[in-house]
């Protein structure tokens, strides 16, 4: 696919390297390690596909993503717009520019030796790639170079960086004396990009930066800490999670720095959204499309899911798990609750992959209850959507959840989430109204919420009222986009002028 990039005049630069936004529409670079258009491992991929599109009405926004095989193979030709130099042990590479079918401009980092590999963006069946420090330093450095003007036709006025893989960009800007505002969004604080001090030299990290007020984290280099320390502003993906990570229990060792950022007014929680395709009235993946009060249509999807998973015909409640199968997601709690669900006449369907111990335990559960429990290890978009549409309840007892999307998908499709009251789950599920919440991440707390769900299933009038309310929640991106626009204006330090240019 050929690019239809539009040339813009470069921003003026002050004597100290400060970007002075000119009268063009403000230019935002959204740097991300994954994007659902091409490759995703979780919620970040969905955000990267949706948020830049929601912001296009306000900004000239472009996405930057590594040139994984899944990206490069999508295009017949990727025009090269710049040659990016190497830095220390970070190799040089080419910068390509492509356009999505709906016109979104996407920069692609072309470095086959770094990115065109089998597996996920981060590793293969053997574990994480051993050179992830260099691979994602290259992404961060490219973002900084685009702000510096590496593409002569377009220079970013502001960097919006996502997770640890892009978090060195504000540090590279600072070390290079370039004062371009930056926003770092932390999608999950537990993943910090930690590497040994041996990485410092090959990544071009100056000696003075390897200290507590810099990139050092308990004797290691932390990409994420670098971003939190050097970025103009830090966001997380829900209000509750933004508060939680300033505490020792959820701060992953960074709570002190995050409390400082919060006190400075430089930490905010902005809830993610979901795109308009999550609509049971129009979704082509469903066996039968339906709307609120069309419970016959919802039952048709349930029957399809039961057949697909080899379960017995049943009029009992259908529970679903659509999740990574990892400890964070409380899979052990769901396993403990499964026997109660089956004993009460319920059925459970599971799709996902993750830790081998949980995959094996779920398969064993299915073997013990072949008529009541179905498990597919892996992921398929159509299957997941049908499970949201067909299930009565979604199990989501995450120990922590920065935002979560599955509980939003479920509500839109009339499946009532049963969730631990944490992070984005607390912000999106209203107990007894659109789902069921519990406060203690324990088998006891979870089973109490499941019992309330089972009782509600026997009260059809109340069940259907909750379904209607849940399905009326939109969770669209407009509110998040508006909040990010206000944050960008603050980062520029010229809110009124920015809004006038964006109008």
Protein backbone atom coordinates (compact mmCIF):
# COMPACT_ATOMS: atom_id res chain seq x y z
CA UNK A 1 0.00 0.00 0.00
CA UNK A 2 1.33 3.41 -0.85
CA UNK A 3 1.37 6.25 1.59
CA UNK A 4 -0.74 9.36 1.31
CA UNK A 5 1.22 11.32 3.85
CA UNK A 6 0.61 15.06 3.88
CA UNK A 7 3.59 17.36 4.18
CA UNK A 8 3.56 19.90 6.97
CA UNK A 9 5.97 22.65 7.80
CA UNK A 10 8.34 21.75 10.63
CA UNK A 11 7.80 23.27 14.08
CA UNK A 12 9.99 26.16 15.05
CA UNK A 13 12.60 25.26 17.68
CA UNK A 14 13.79 27.58 20.41
CA UNK A 15 17.42 28.17 21.29
CA UNK A 16 17.18 25.66 24.15
CA UNK A 17 15.61 23.04 21.91
CA UNK A 18 12.06 23.71 23.15
CA UNK A 19 9.33 22.94 20.65
CA UNK A 20 7.19 25.96 19.85
CA UNK A 21 3.93 24.67 18.32
CA UNK A 22 3.20 26.62 15.17
CA UNK A 23 -0.22 27.35 13.70
CA UNK A 24 -0.67 23.90 12.19
CA UNK A 25 -3.03 21.38 13.76
CA UNK A 26 -1.03 19.96 16.71
CA UNK A 27 0.89 16.84 15.76
CA UNK A 28 0.81 13.89 18.15
CA UNK A 29 2.93 10.75 17.82
CA UNK A 30 1.33 7.71 19.48
CA UNK A 31 4.10 5.17 20.08
CA UNK A 32 3.02 1.64 20.94
CA UNK A 33 4.51 -1.88 20.90
CA UNK A 34 1.27 -3.38 19.56
CA UNK A 35 -1.88 -2.42 17.68
CA UNK A 36 -4.94 -4.57 17.06
CA UNK A 37 -4.90 -3.75 13.34
CA UNK A 38 -1.83 -6.00 13.13
CA UNK A 39 -0.95 -7.72 16.40
CA UNK A 40 -2.21 -7.67 19.97
CA UNK A 41 -1.58 -9.56 23.19
CA UNK A 42 -4.03 -7.66 25.38
CA UNK A 43 -5.89 -4.44 25.98
CA UNK A 44 -3.06 -2.17 24.80
CA UNK A 45 -3.50 -3.43 21.25
CA UNK A 46 -7.17 -2.47 21.32
CA UNK A 47 -6.41 0.95 22.81
CA UNK A 48 -3.76 1.65 20.16
CA UNK A 49 -6.25 0.82 17.42
CA UNK A 50 -9.06 2.96 18.85
CA UNK A 51 -7.72 5.98 20.75
CA UNK A 52 -5.69 7.54 17.91
CA UNK A 53 -8.75 7.27 15.67
CA UNK A 54 -10.93 8.94 18.29
CA UNK A 55 -8.40 11.78 18.56
CA UNK A 56 -8.13 12.47 14.83
CA UNK A 57 -10.87 15.08 14.92
CA UNK A 58 -8.67 17.17 17.21
CA UNK A 59 -5.13 16.41 16.09
CA UNK A 60 -2.84 15.42 13.28
CA UNK A 61 -2.00 12.10 14.94
CA UNK A 62 0.25 9.30 13.74
CA UNK A 63 1.04 5.90 15.24
CA UNK A 64 4.55 4.44 15.56
CA UNK A 65 4.89 0.65 15.76
CA UNK A 66 7.76 -1.80 15.25
CA UNK A 67 7.83 -3.55 11.90
CA UNK A 68 6.91 -7.02 13.08
CA UNK A 69 6.28 -9.64 10.42
CA UNK A 70 2.53 -9.24 11.00
CA UNK A 71 2.87 -5.54 10.10
CA UNK A 72 5.26 -5.75 7.17
CA UNK A 73 3.40 -8.62 5.50
CA UNK A 74 0.20 -6.56 5.44
CA UNK A 75 1.56 -4.17 2.82
CA UNK A 76 2.87 -4.71 -0.70
CA UNK A 77 5.22 -1.78 -0.30
CA UNK A 78 6.24 0.43 2.63
CA UNK A 79 7.71 3.76 1.50
CA UNK A 80 10.77 4.81 3.50
CA UNK A 81 10.62 8.41 4.71
CA UNK A 82 13.75 8.55 6.87
CA UNK A 83 16.97 6.77 7.81
CA UNK A 84 17.32 6.66 11.58
CA UNK A 85 20.92 6.59 12.86
CA UNK A 86 22.21 4.15 15.43
CA UNK A 87 23.05 5.18 18.98
CA UNK A 88 25.55 3.32 21.15
CA UNK A 89 24.51 -0.33 20.67
CA UNK A 90 21.08 0.49 19.25
CA UNK A 91 21.30 -0.22 15.52
CA UNK A 92 20.22 2.15 12.76
CA UNK A 93 16.99 1.40 10.92
CA UNK A 94 14.60 2.75 8.32
CA UNK A 95 11.37 4.57 9.06
CA UNK A 96 8.47 3.64 6.81
CA UNK A 97 5.09 5.32 6.52
CA UNK A 98 1.85 3.57 5.56
CA UNK A 99 -1.82 4.41 5.68
CA UNK A 100 -4.62 2.27 7.07
CA UNK A 101 -7.80 1.69 5.12
CA UNK A 102 -9.50 4.54 6.98
CA UNK A 103 -6.61 6.95 6.46
CA UNK A 104 -4.71 6.69 9.75
CA UNK A 105 -1.02 7.40 9.19
CA UNK A 106 1.26 4.74 10.70
CA UNK A 107 5.04 4.89 11.00
CA UNK A 108 6.69 1.46 10.81
CA UNK A 109 10.18 0.78 12.19
CA UNK A 110 11.90 -1.31 9.54
CA UNK A 111 14.57 -3.45 11.17
CA UNK A 112 14.14 -7.11 10.17
CA UNK A 113 16.85 -8.34 12.52
CA UNK A 114 15.04 -6.82 15.49
CA UNK A 115 11.38 -7.34 14.71
CA UNK A 116 10.62 -9.91 12.01
CA UNK A 117 10.54 -12.98 14.24
CA UNK A 118 8.14 -15.78 15.03
CA UNK A 119 6.15 -15.50 18.23
CA UNK A 120 4.58 -12.54 19.99
CA UNK A 121 6.03 -9.01 19.93
CA UNK A 122 7.91 -9.88 23.10
CA UNK A 123 9.02 -13.49 22.90
CA UNK A 124 8.49 -17.01 21.66
CA UNK A 125 7.73 -20.37 23.22
CA UNK A 126 11.05 -20.26 25.06
CA UNK A 127 10.33 -16.98 26.84
CA UNK A 128 11.10 -13.29 26.28
CA UNK A 129 13.58 -12.36 23.57
CA UNK A 130 17.00 -11.81 25.15
CA UNK A 131 17.51 -8.50 23.31
CA UNK A 132 14.22 -6.84 24.25
CA UNK A 133 16.22 -4.02 25.81
CA UNK A 134 17.66 -3.10 22.40
CA UNK A 135 14.44 -3.85 20.49
CA UNK A 136 12.37 -1.44 22.54
CA UNK A 137 15.10 1.11 23.09
CA UNK A 138 15.00 1.32 19.28
CA UNK A 139 11.25 2.07 19.48
CA UNK A 140 11.76 4.71 22.18
CA UNK A 141 14.68 6.30 20.36
CA UNK A 142 12.70 6.45 17.11
CA UNK A 143 9.90 8.30 18.87
CA UNK A 144 12.39 10.87 20.17
CA UNK A 145 13.96 11.20 16.71
CA UNK A 146 10.55 11.84 15.10
CA UNK A 147 10.04 14.64 17.64
CA UNK A 148 13.47 15.94 16.64
CA UNK A 149 12.43 16.06 12.97
CA UNK A 150 13.79 12.82 11.48
CA UNK A 151 10.94 12.87 8.96
CA UNK A 152 11.44 16.18 7.15
CA UNK A 153 7.71 16.32 6.30
CA UNK A 154 6.34 15.83 9.82
CA UNK A 155 7.70 16.40 13.34
CA UNK A 156 5.76 15.51 16.48
CA UNK A 157 4.79 18.35 18.81
CA UNK A 158 3.97 15.87 21.57
CA UNK A 159 4.75 12.20 22.24
CA UNK A 160 2.09 9.88 23.65
CA UNK A 161 3.97 6.79 24.81
CA UNK A 162 2.53 3.48 25.90
CA UNK A 163 3.92 1.09 28.50
CA UNK A 164 7.53 0.27 29.25
CA UNK A 165 8.39 -0.56 25.65
CA UNK A 166 8.18 3.12 24.65
CA UNK A 167 9.00 4.63 28.03
CA UNK A 168 12.67 5.49 27.35
CA UNK A 169 11.58 8.13 24.82
CA UNK A 170 11.18 11.00 27.37
CA UNK A 171 14.58 10.10 28.78
CA UNK A 172 16.23 10.21 25.35
CA UNK A 173 14.60 13.61 24.81
CA UNK A 174 15.92 14.89 28.13
CA UNK A 175 19.43 13.51 27.61
CA UNK A 176 19.49 15.14 24.18
CA UNK A 177 18.34 18.51 25.51
CA UNK A 178 15.10 18.47 23.51
CA UNK A 179 12.14 19.82 25.45
CA UNK A 180 9.16 18.20 23.74
CA UNK A 181 6.18 17.38 25.98
CA UNK A 182 5.36 13.73 26.53
CA UNK A 183 2.54 11.67 28.01
CA UNK A 184 3.28 8.17 29.30
CA UNK A 185 0.30 5.83 29.68
CA UNK A 186 0.88 2.92 32.06
CA UNK A 187 -1.41 0.07 31.05
CA UNK A 188 -0.06 -2.32 33.70
CA UNK A 189 2.49 -1.24 36.29
CA UNK A 190 3.51 -4.84 36.94
CA UNK A 191 5.39 -4.93 33.63
CA UNK A 192 8.29 -2.52 34.02
CA UNK A 193 10.94 -3.48 31.48
CA UNK A 194 13.70 -4.38 33.92
CA UNK A 195 17.23 -5.09 32.64
CA UNK A 196 20.64 -5.50 34.18
CA UNK A 197 23.10 -2.59 34.35
CA UNK A 198 24.92 -4.28 31.48
CA UNK A 199 22.29 -2.70 29.21
CA UNK A 200 23.27 0.87 30.08
CA UNK A 201 26.17 1.20 27.67
CA UNK A 202 24.53 -0.41 24.66
CA UNK A 203 21.38 1.69 25.11
CA UNK A 204 23.30 4.94 25.46
CA UNK A 205 22.09 5.67 28.99
CA UNK A 206 24.39 8.30 30.54
CA UNK A 207 26.10 7.37 33.81
CA UNK A 208 24.45 10.21 35.73
CA UNK A 209 20.99 8.80 34.96
CA UNK A 210 21.61 5.50 36.74
CA UNK A 211 20.50 6.63 40.17
CA UNK A 212 17.31 6.79 42.25
CA UNK A 213 16.37 10.11 40.61
CA UNK A 214 16.58 8.57 37.15
CA UNK A 215 16.35 5.09 35.67
CA UNK A 216 17.77 2.93 38.49
CA UNK A 217 15.38 0.52 40.23
CA UNK A 218 16.90 -1.69 42.94
CA UNK A 219 20.14 -2.09 41.01
CA UNK A 220 18.46 -2.60 37.63
CA UNK A 221 17.56 -0.40 34.69
CA UNK A 222 13.80 0.21 34.58
CA UNK A 223 12.33 1.47 31.31
CA UNK A 224 9.03 2.25 33.02
CA UNK A 225 10.61 4.19 35.86
CA UNK A 226 12.53 6.23 33.28
CA UNK A 227 9.26 7.18 31.61
CA UNK A 228 7.54 8.05 34.88
CA UNK A 229 10.53 10.15 35.94
CA UNK A 230 11.12 12.05 32.70
CA UNK A 231 7.63 12.33 31.09
CA UNK A 232 5.65 15.54 31.37
CA UNK A 233 2.62 13.64 32.60
CA UNK A 234 1.70 10.05 33.50
CA UNK A 235 -1.69 8.45 32.96
CA UNK A 236 -3.17 5.11 33.83
CA UNK A 237 -6.29 3.53 32.41
CA UNK A 238 -8.81 4.07 35.21
CA UNK A 239 -9.31 6.48 38.11
CA UNK A 240 -9.26 3.76 40.74
CA UNK A 241 -6.03 2.23 39.42
CA UNK A 242 -4.39 5.67 39.42
CA UNK A 243 -5.09 5.87 43.15
CA UNK A 244 -4.15 2.26 43.84
CA UNK A 245 -0.67 2.52 42.35
CA UNK A 246 0.29 5.28 44.78
CA UNK A 247 0.03 2.72 47.61
CA UNK A 248 2.64 0.13 48.63
CA UNK A 249 0.21 -2.74 47.96
CA UNK A 250 -0.26 -1.90 44.27
CA UNK A 251 2.67 0.39 43.50
CA UNK A 252 5.12 -2.37 42.49
CA UNK A 253 7.95 -0.50 44.23
CA UNK A 254 7.22 2.73 42.35
CA UNK A 255 4.54 4.06 44.71
CA UNK A 256 6.83 6.73 46.16
CA UNK A 257 7.62 8.24 42.78
CA UNK A 258 3.96 7.96 41.75
CA UNK A 259 2.82 9.71 44.91
CA UNK A 260 5.19 12.53 44.02
CA UNK A 261 3.74 12.73 40.52
CA UNK A 262 0.20 12.74 41.92
CA UNK A 263 1.08 15.55 44.35
CA UNK A 264 2.49 17.52 41.40
CA UNK A 265 -0.75 17.05 39.47
CA UNK A 266 1.12 14.91 36.94
CA UNK A 267 -0.72 11.61 37.41
CA UNK A 268 -4.23 10.97 36.12
CA UNK A 269 -6.55 8.06 35.48
CA UNK A 270 -8.40 8.06 32.15
CA UNK A 271 -10.73 5.13 31.60
CA UNK A 272 -10.31 3.20 28.36
CA UNK A 273 -13.25 2.72 26.03
CA UNK A 274 -14.40 0.11 23.55
CA UNK A 275 -15.20 0.61 19.89
CA UNK A 276 -18.59 0.62 18.24
CA UNK A 277 -18.26 -2.93 16.89
CA UNK A 278 -19.31 -4.20 20.33
CA UNK A 279 -23.00 -3.95 19.53
CA UNK A 280 -25.13 -7.12 19.58
CA UNK A 281 -27.55 -5.53 17.11
CA UNK A 282 -24.94 -5.34 14.35
CA UNK A 283 -22.07 -7.72 15.24
CA UNK A 284 -21.54 -10.09 12.27
CA UNK A 285 -19.69 -12.63 14.45
CA UNK A 286 -22.80 -13.61 16.39
CA UNK A 287 -24.92 -16.64 15.61
CA UNK A 288 -27.99 -14.41 16.02
CA UNK A 289 -28.01 -10.65 16.43
CA UNK A 290 -30.20 -9.29 19.18
CA UNK A 291 -31.02 -6.26 21.29
CA UNK A 292 -32.22 -5.57 24.82
CA UNK A 293 -35.41 -7.51 25.60
CA UNK A 294 -34.77 -9.90 22.71
CA UNK A 295 -33.80 -12.67 25.11
CA UNK A 296 -34.72 -15.32 22.54
CA UNK A 297 -31.86 -14.00 20.39
CA UNK A 298 -29.50 -14.12 23.36
CA UNK A 299 -30.54 -17.73 24.08
CA UNK A 300 -29.80 -18.63 20.46
CA UNK A 301 -26.20 -17.53 20.99
CA UNK A 302 -26.06 -19.52 24.23
CA UNK A 303 -27.22 -22.64 22.38
CA UNK A 304 -24.54 -22.10 19.74
CA UNK A 305 -21.85 -21.75 22.42
CA UNK A 306 -23.03 -24.90 24.20
CA UNK A 307 -22.89 -26.89 20.96
CA UNK A 308 -19.47 -25.49 20.08
CA UNK A 309 -18.04 -26.49 23.47
CA UNK A 310 -19.80 -29.88 23.48
CA UNK A 311 -21.99 -29.12 26.49
CA UNK A 312 -25.38 -30.61 27.29
CA UNK A 313 -28.58 -28.78 26.43
CA UNK A 314 -29.51 -26.72 29.48
CA UNK A 315 -31.76 -23.95 30.71
CA UNK A 316 -29.42 -23.26 33.62
CA UNK A 317 -27.05 -20.29 33.87
CA UNK A 318 -24.07 -20.14 31.52
CA UNK A 319 -20.88 -18.64 32.96
CA UNK A 320 -17.93 -17.56 30.81
CA UNK A 321 -14.23 -16.81 31.26
CA UNK A 322 -12.55 -14.84 28.44
CA UNK A 323 -9.11 -14.09 29.81
CA UNK A 324 -5.41 -14.63 29.94
CA UNK A 325 -5.01 -17.68 32.16
CA UNK A 326 -2.65 -16.16 34.73
CA UNK A 327 -2.55 -15.62 38.49
CA UNK A 328 -3.37 -11.90 38.17
CA UNK A 329 -6.71 -12.79 36.59
CA UNK A 330 -7.75 -14.92 39.57
CA UNK A 331 -8.01 -18.12 37.53
CA UNK A 332 -7.38 -20.13 40.70
CA UNK A 333 -10.43 -18.48 42.25
CA UNK A 334 -12.53 -19.38 39.20
CA UNK A 335 -11.32 -22.98 39.39
CA UNK A 336 -12.35 -23.15 43.04
CA UNK A 337 -15.79 -21.73 42.21
CA UNK A 338 -16.40 -24.03 39.23
CA UNK A 339 -17.49 -27.02 41.31
CA UNK A 340 -20.16 -24.90 43.02
CA UNK A 341 -21.39 -23.58 39.66
CA UNK A 342 -21.74 -27.11 38.29
CA UNK A 343 -23.40 -28.38 41.47
CA UNK A 344 -26.00 -25.62 41.19
CA UNK A 345 -26.90 -26.61 37.63
CA UNK A 346 -24.72 -24.05 35.90
CA UNK A 347 -22.26 -24.48 33.05
CA UNK A 348 -18.89 -22.85 32.36
CA UNK A 349 -17.10 -22.07 29.08
CA UNK A 350 -13.50 -20.85 28.99
CA UNK A 351 -11.32 -19.39 26.26
CA UNK A 352 -7.78 -18.10 26.77
CA UNK A 353 -4.19 -19.12 27.23
CA UNK A 354 -1.43 -18.45 29.71
CA UNK A 355 0.27 -20.35 32.50
CA UNK A 356 0.54 -24.09 31.89
CA UNK A 357 -0.69 -24.97 35.37
CA UNK A 358 -3.97 -23.18 34.77
CA UNK A 359 -4.41 -24.53 31.27
CA UNK A 360 -3.92 -28.05 32.62
CA UNK A 361 -6.25 -27.55 35.60
CA UNK A 362 -9.02 -26.24 33.35
CA UNK A 363 -8.63 -29.17 30.97
CA UNK A 364 -8.87 -31.54 33.94
CA UNK A 365 -12.01 -29.73 35.10
CA UNK A 366 -13.55 -30.17 31.67
CA UNK A 367 -12.70 -33.88 31.66
CA UNK A 368 -14.42 -34.32 35.02
CA UNK A 369 -17.53 -32.43 33.88
CA UNK A 370 -17.72 -32.86 30.07
CA UNK A 371 -21.41 -31.89 29.91
CA UNK A 372 -20.98 -28.77 32.03
CA UNK A 373 -17.49 -27.34 31.42
CA UNK A 374 -15.92 -26.53 28.05
CA UNK A 375 -12.38 -25.21 27.61
CA UNK A 376 -10.58 -23.93 24.51
CA UNK A 377 -6.93 -23.05 25.12
CA UNK A 378 -6.10 -20.30 22.64
CA UNK A 379 -8.04 -17.33 21.39
CA UNK A 380 -10.48 -16.67 18.57
CA UNK A 381 -12.31 -13.35 18.19
CA UNK A 382 -15.54 -14.87 16.90
CA UNK A 383 -15.70 -17.43 19.69
CA UNK A 384 -15.06 -14.77 22.31
CA UNK A 385 -17.80 -12.51 20.99
CA UNK A 386 -20.30 -15.35 20.91
CA UNK A 387 -19.39 -16.23 24.49
CA UNK A 388 -20.10 -12.67 25.61
CA UNK A 389 -23.39 -12.78 23.72
CA UNK A 390 -24.48 -16.20 24.93
CA UNK A 391 -23.36 -16.22 28.55
CA UNK A 392 -25.42 -15.01 31.47
CA UNK A 393 -22.43 -14.13 33.66
CA UNK A 394 -18.73 -13.33 33.11
CA UNK A 395 -16.24 -14.42 35.76
CA UNK A 396 -13.51 -11.81 36.27
CA UNK A 397 -12.03 -12.08 39.79
CA UNK A 398 -8.78 -10.29 38.90
CA UNK A 399 -6.51 -9.59 41.84
CA UNK A 400 -5.74 -6.25 40.19
CA UNK A 401 -7.00 -4.85 36.91
CA UNK A 402 -5.73 -1.50 35.61
CA UNK A 403 -8.77 -1.14 33.36
CA UNK A 404 -10.09 -4.35 31.84
CA UNK A 405 -12.14 -4.53 28.66
CA UNK A 406 -13.90 -7.88 28.96
CA UNK A 407 -16.30 -6.57 31.60
CA UNK A 408 -17.30 -3.76 29.20
CA UNK A 409 -17.77 -6.15 26.28
CA UNK A 410 -19.87 -8.44 28.47
CA UNK A 411 -22.21 -5.67 29.62
CA UNK A 412 -22.81 -4.50 26.06
CA UNK A 413 -23.88 -8.06 25.21
CA UNK A 414 -26.08 -8.56 28.27
CA UNK A 415 -23.68 -10.78 30.24
CA UNK A 416 -23.42 -9.61 33.84
CA UNK A 417 -19.81 -9.46 35.11
CA UNK A 418 -18.86 -10.88 38.50
CA UNK A 419 -15.74 -8.91 39.42
CA UNK A 420 -13.31 -8.10 42.19
CA UNK A 421 -13.80 -4.46 43.18
CA UNK A 422 -10.44 -3.15 41.96
CA UNK A 423 -9.05 -0.81 39.29
CA UNK A 424 -11.17 -0.39 36.20
CA UNK A 425 -13.53 -3.13 37.32
CA UNK A 426 -14.65 -0.94 40.21
CA UNK A 427 -15.11 1.98 37.80
CA UNK A 428 -17.23 0.12 35.23
CA UNK A 429 -19.39 -2.44 37.06
CA UNK A 430 -22.17 -1.25 39.38
CA UNK A 431 -22.95 -3.83 42.01
CA UNK A 432 -26.48 -5.20 41.76
CA UNK A 433 -27.20 -2.94 38.79
CA UNK A 434 -24.97 -4.02 35.88
CA UNK A 435 -23.14 -6.90 37.56
CA UNK A 436 -21.82 -8.14 40.88
CA UNK A 437 -18.74 -7.01 42.77
CA UNK A 438 -16.87 -8.33 45.80
CA UNK A 439 -14.26 -6.63 47.95
CA UNK A 440 -11.91 -9.39 49.09
CA UNK A 441 -9.88 -11.23 46.43
CA UNK A 442 -10.55 -14.62 48.01
CA UNK A 443 -12.56 -17.75 47.30
CA UNK A 444 -14.99 -16.72 50.02
CA UNK A 445 -15.58 -13.24 48.61
CA UNK A 446 -15.93 -14.56 45.06
CA UNK A 447 -18.33 -17.35 46.02
CA UNK A 448 -20.59 -14.83 47.78
CA UNK A 449 -20.88 -12.79 44.58
CA UNK A 450 -21.54 -15.94 42.53
CA UNK A 451 -24.28 -16.95 44.97
CA UNK A 452 -25.96 -13.56 44.46
CA UNK A 453 -25.72 -14.06 40.70
CA UNK A 454 -27.30 -17.50 40.93
CA UNK A 455 -30.12 -16.11 43.06
CA UNK A 456 -30.68 -13.33 40.50
CA UNK A 457 -30.82 -15.88 37.67
CA UNK A 458 -33.88 -17.34 39.38
CA UNK A 459 -35.56 -13.92 39.44
CA UNK A 460 -36.20 -13.31 35.73
CA UNK A 461 -37.68 -9.84 36.17
CA UNK A 462 -34.64 -8.61 38.08
CA UNK A 463 -32.21 -10.47 35.80
CA UNK A 464 -33.67 -8.87 32.68
CA UNK A 465 -33.71 -5.42 34.29
CA UNK A 466 -30.00 -5.76 35.06
CA UNK A 467 -29.33 -6.96 31.51
CA UNK A 468 -31.16 -3.97 30.04
CA UNK A 469 -29.20 -1.54 32.19
CA UNK A 470 -25.89 -3.23 31.38
CA UNK A 471 -26.62 -3.18 27.64
CA UNK A 472 -27.42 0.55 27.79
CA UNK A 473 -23.83 1.36 28.86
CA UNK A 474 -21.83 2.49 25.84
CA UNK A 475 -18.23 2.81 27.15
CA UNK A 476 -17.32 4.76 24.00
CA UNK A 477 -14.04 6.56 23.35
CA UNK A 478 -15.40 10.12 23.11
CA UNK A 479 -15.06 10.89 26.81
CA UNK A 480 -11.53 9.49 26.98
CA UNK A 481 -10.53 11.41 23.84
CA UNK A 482 -11.85 14.66 25.31
CA UNK A 483 -9.92 14.08 28.54
CA UNK A 484 -6.72 13.29 26.66
CA UNK A 485 -7.20 16.45 24.59
CA UNK A 486 -7.36 18.50 27.80
CA UNK A 487 -4.24 16.74 29.07
CA UNK A 488 -2.36 17.43 25.84
CA UNK A 489 -3.28 21.09 26.20
CA UNK A 490 -1.85 21.14 29.72
CA UNK A 491 1.33 19.45 28.51
CA UNK A 492 1.77 22.13 25.87
CA UNK A 493 1.23 24.77 28.54
CA UNK A 494 -1.03 26.70 26.17
CA UNK A 495 -4.50 25.23 26.53
CA UNK A 496 -6.47 27.99 24.87
CA UNK A 497 -4.19 28.23 21.88
CA UNK A 498 -4.12 24.47 21.45
CA UNK A 499 -7.87 24.14 21.52
CA UNK A 500 -8.21 26.93 18.97
CA UNK A 501 -5.82 25.21 16.58
CA UNK A 502 -7.53 21.83 17.11
CA UNK A 503 -11.03 23.17 16.44
